[in-house]
């Protein structure tokens, strides 16, 4: 499973879709020629991703939140 597929499944789960509905939607999207061509161009991943294993993305989100807080503090100081 690619990181895109894992992220797609995780997001669909957060939106309340059942696993079966998520798989159906993903398969339907992959039937579109442009979507299929896009995935054929991507390099293969060395380590497969699983929907519950998104530590790297979680870390990036935490870093972004800290960055946003620091930017807000810098703007307050400049005023």
Protein backbone atom coordinates (compact mmCIF):
# COMPACT_ATOMS: atom_id res chain seq x y z
CA UNK A 1 0.00 0.00 0.00
CA UNK A 2 1.36 3.43 -0.91
CA UNK A 3 1.36 6.39 1.44
CA UNK A 4 -1.33 7.98 -0.76
CA UNK A 5 -3.58 4.94 -0.37
CA UNK A 6 -2.95 4.88 3.39
CA UNK A 7 -3.76 8.58 3.64
CA UNK A 8 -6.87 8.16 1.50
CA UNK A 9 -8.13 5.37 3.76
CA UNK A 10 -7.32 7.31 6.93
CA UNK A 11 -9.09 10.45 5.67
CA UNK A 12 -12.14 8.50 4.54
CA UNK A 13 -12.26 6.84 7.95
CA UNK A 14 -12.14 10.27 9.63
CA UNK A 15 -15.04 11.37 7.40
CA UNK A 16 -17.12 8.44 8.60
CA UNK A 17 -16.96 6.20 5.52
CA UNK A 18 -16.92 2.48 6.09
CA UNK A 19 -13.89 0.54 4.91
CA UNK A 20 -15.98 -1.13 2.19
CA UNK A 21 -17.28 2.21 0.89
CA UNK A 22 -13.74 3.63 0.95
CA UNK A 23 -12.35 0.73 -1.06
CA UNK A 24 -15.20 1.02 -3.56
CA UNK A 25 -14.64 4.77 -3.98
CA UNK A 26 -10.89 4.33 -4.40
CA UNK A 27 -11.34 1.58 -6.99
CA UNK A 28 -13.80 3.73 -8.92
CA UNK A 29 -11.37 6.65 -8.90
CA UNK A 30 -8.58 4.39 -10.15
CA UNK A 31 -10.73 3.41 -13.12
CA UNK A 32 -10.26 6.91 -14.52
CA UNK A 33 -7.40 6.86 -17.09
CA UNK A 34 -5.79 10.07 -15.80
CA UNK A 35 -5.67 8.80 -12.21
CA UNK A 36 -4.22 5.49 -13.31
CA UNK A 37 -1.56 7.24 -15.41
CA UNK A 38 -0.63 9.46 -12.48
CA UNK A 39 0.05 6.46 -10.25
CA UNK A 40 2.04 4.62 -12.88
CA UNK A 41 4.49 7.55 -13.00
CA UNK A 42 5.15 7.50 -9.24
CA UNK A 43 8.22 5.62 -7.97
CA UNK A 44 7.67 2.52 -5.87
CA UNK A 45 7.97 2.99 -2.12
CA UNK A 46 10.56 1.02 -0.22
CA UNK A 47 8.43 0.48 2.87
CA UNK A 48 4.68 -0.03 2.60
CA UNK A 49 2.46 2.32 4.58
CA UNK A 50 -0.53 1.39 6.69
CA UNK A 51 -3.38 3.78 7.53
CA UNK A 52 -2.66 3.76 11.27
CA UNK A 53 1.07 4.39 10.77
CA UNK A 54 1.26 8.08 9.97
CA UNK A 55 3.86 9.20 12.51
CA UNK A 56 5.83 11.22 9.96
CA UNK A 57 2.76 13.19 8.92
CA UNK A 58 1.82 13.73 12.54
CA UNK A 59 5.30 15.07 13.25
CA UNK A 60 5.07 17.45 10.30
CA UNK A 61 1.70 18.70 11.52
CA UNK A 62 3.14 19.34 14.98
CA UNK A 63 6.04 21.25 13.44
CA UNK A 64 3.61 23.35 11.39
CA UNK A 65 1.56 24.16 14.48
CA UNK A 66 4.68 25.29 16.34
CA UNK A 67 5.74 27.36 13.33
CA UNK A 68 2.32 29.02 13.16
CA UNK A 69 2.47 29.85 16.88
CA UNK A 70 5.93 31.34 16.50
CA UNK A 71 4.83 33.43 13.50
CA UNK A 72 1.88 34.74 15.49
CA UNK A 73 4.13 35.68 18.40
CA UNK A 74 6.56 37.43 16.04
CA UNK A 75 3.73 39.48 14.54
CA UNK A 76 2.55 40.54 18.01
CA UNK A 77 6.06 41.65 18.92
CA UNK A 78 6.35 43.70 15.72
CA UNK A 79 3.10 45.56 16.46
